[in-house]
Amino acid sequence: MSRIDHTFARLKERGQSALIPFIMAGDPDLKTTEVLVSRIAEAGADMIELGVPFSDPIADGPTIQSASERALQNGVNLKEVLSLTERLKGIDTPLILMTYFNPVFRYGLKDFAEACQRSGVDGVIIPDLVPEEAGPWVQAARRRDLDTIFLIAPTSPPDRIGVISRCSRGFIYYVSVTGVTGARERLPEGLEIALGRIRDQSRKPVAVGFGISTPEQARSVGRLADGVIVGSAIVKMIEENLRSPELTDKVRDFVSSIARTLKS
C-alpha cells in the first residue's frame, strides 16, 4: 500500500474524510512554498497537492492561472519543484504533484517517475492526460510505486467511470462542476447522487475538488466523500498576502479552521 492508501485507510477507521489542500509551487517563491507545506501539514492536512507552474493550465481558473504565471516569472520549473519535494521528504504528509502532460513528456516519462520516487512524491495528477493515452505513463509510474490519480467529471457516463477507476491509484478526483477551478459560493446540487454513481462502479476513495472554499462547504462535502480538496481559496489568500510577513500564518490558520470543521 502507498502512503496515500494508508492515509485513506486510517481515516476510514476513524470515520473521517481527508483534507487535501492545494498550493502552487513557487508562488510567491520556492522558499515560501517550502514553509507553507510544513505549516499546512502542521495545520491538519492529510495530503498536500503541489501545483507545477505551466504556461497553459487549461483546467484552472483565473486564481490558479495567476499563481502559475507568478511562479513562471520567478523561473520555477519542474526540475526545481522536484528539488523542493526532495527537501520536504521528512514530513509525514503524502505529497501529490498536479502537473500538465507537456512538462512530463519533455522530462521523459521514465525519468520523471524515477525522479518522483527519489524525491518523495507519492502521487501525480495530470488533468490533460486521458486514460486511453496514459498507458506508457501509468506503467512507468507503477514500476516506481507512484499513484496516478485520474479525474471524473459530472458528465462522465458509467462505462467511463469504470475505465477511470481501473486506471487510477490512490484515489479518484471528482471534479464537482463542469468548468475550471475556482472558489464558488454554493456547492453543486446532486453531489450525493454523483458520488453514488461513482461508487456503483468503483471501491476506490473519491476526493471532491473544484469550488470548495469555506470550512462549512468542506464539512458538507466531507460527509459524502472520502476526501476534500481545497485549492483556489488558499491560492487567493496567498495572492492577497504576497508581501505580508503573516502570509504563512494566515494560510496555516485557514487550513486549520477547515481541518477542525471537517474532523468535528
Foldseek 3Di string as FASTA:
>chain_A
DFLLVVLLVVQVVVVFAAEEEEDEQQVQHNVVVLLLVVLLVVLFHQAYEYEFQDQCPPQADPLVVVRSVNSVVVVGGPVVVLVSLLVVQPDSHAYEYEYAVVSCVVCPLLNVLVSCLNSRHAEYEHAVDALVRCVVNLVSNVVSNHWYEYEDELPDDLVSLLSRQVSGDSAYEYEQHPGHADADDDGDPPPLVSVVSSVVRHPGFYEYGGHDAALVSLQVVGNRGNYYYHYSNLSVLCVVCVPPPCSSVVSSVRSSSSSVSRSD
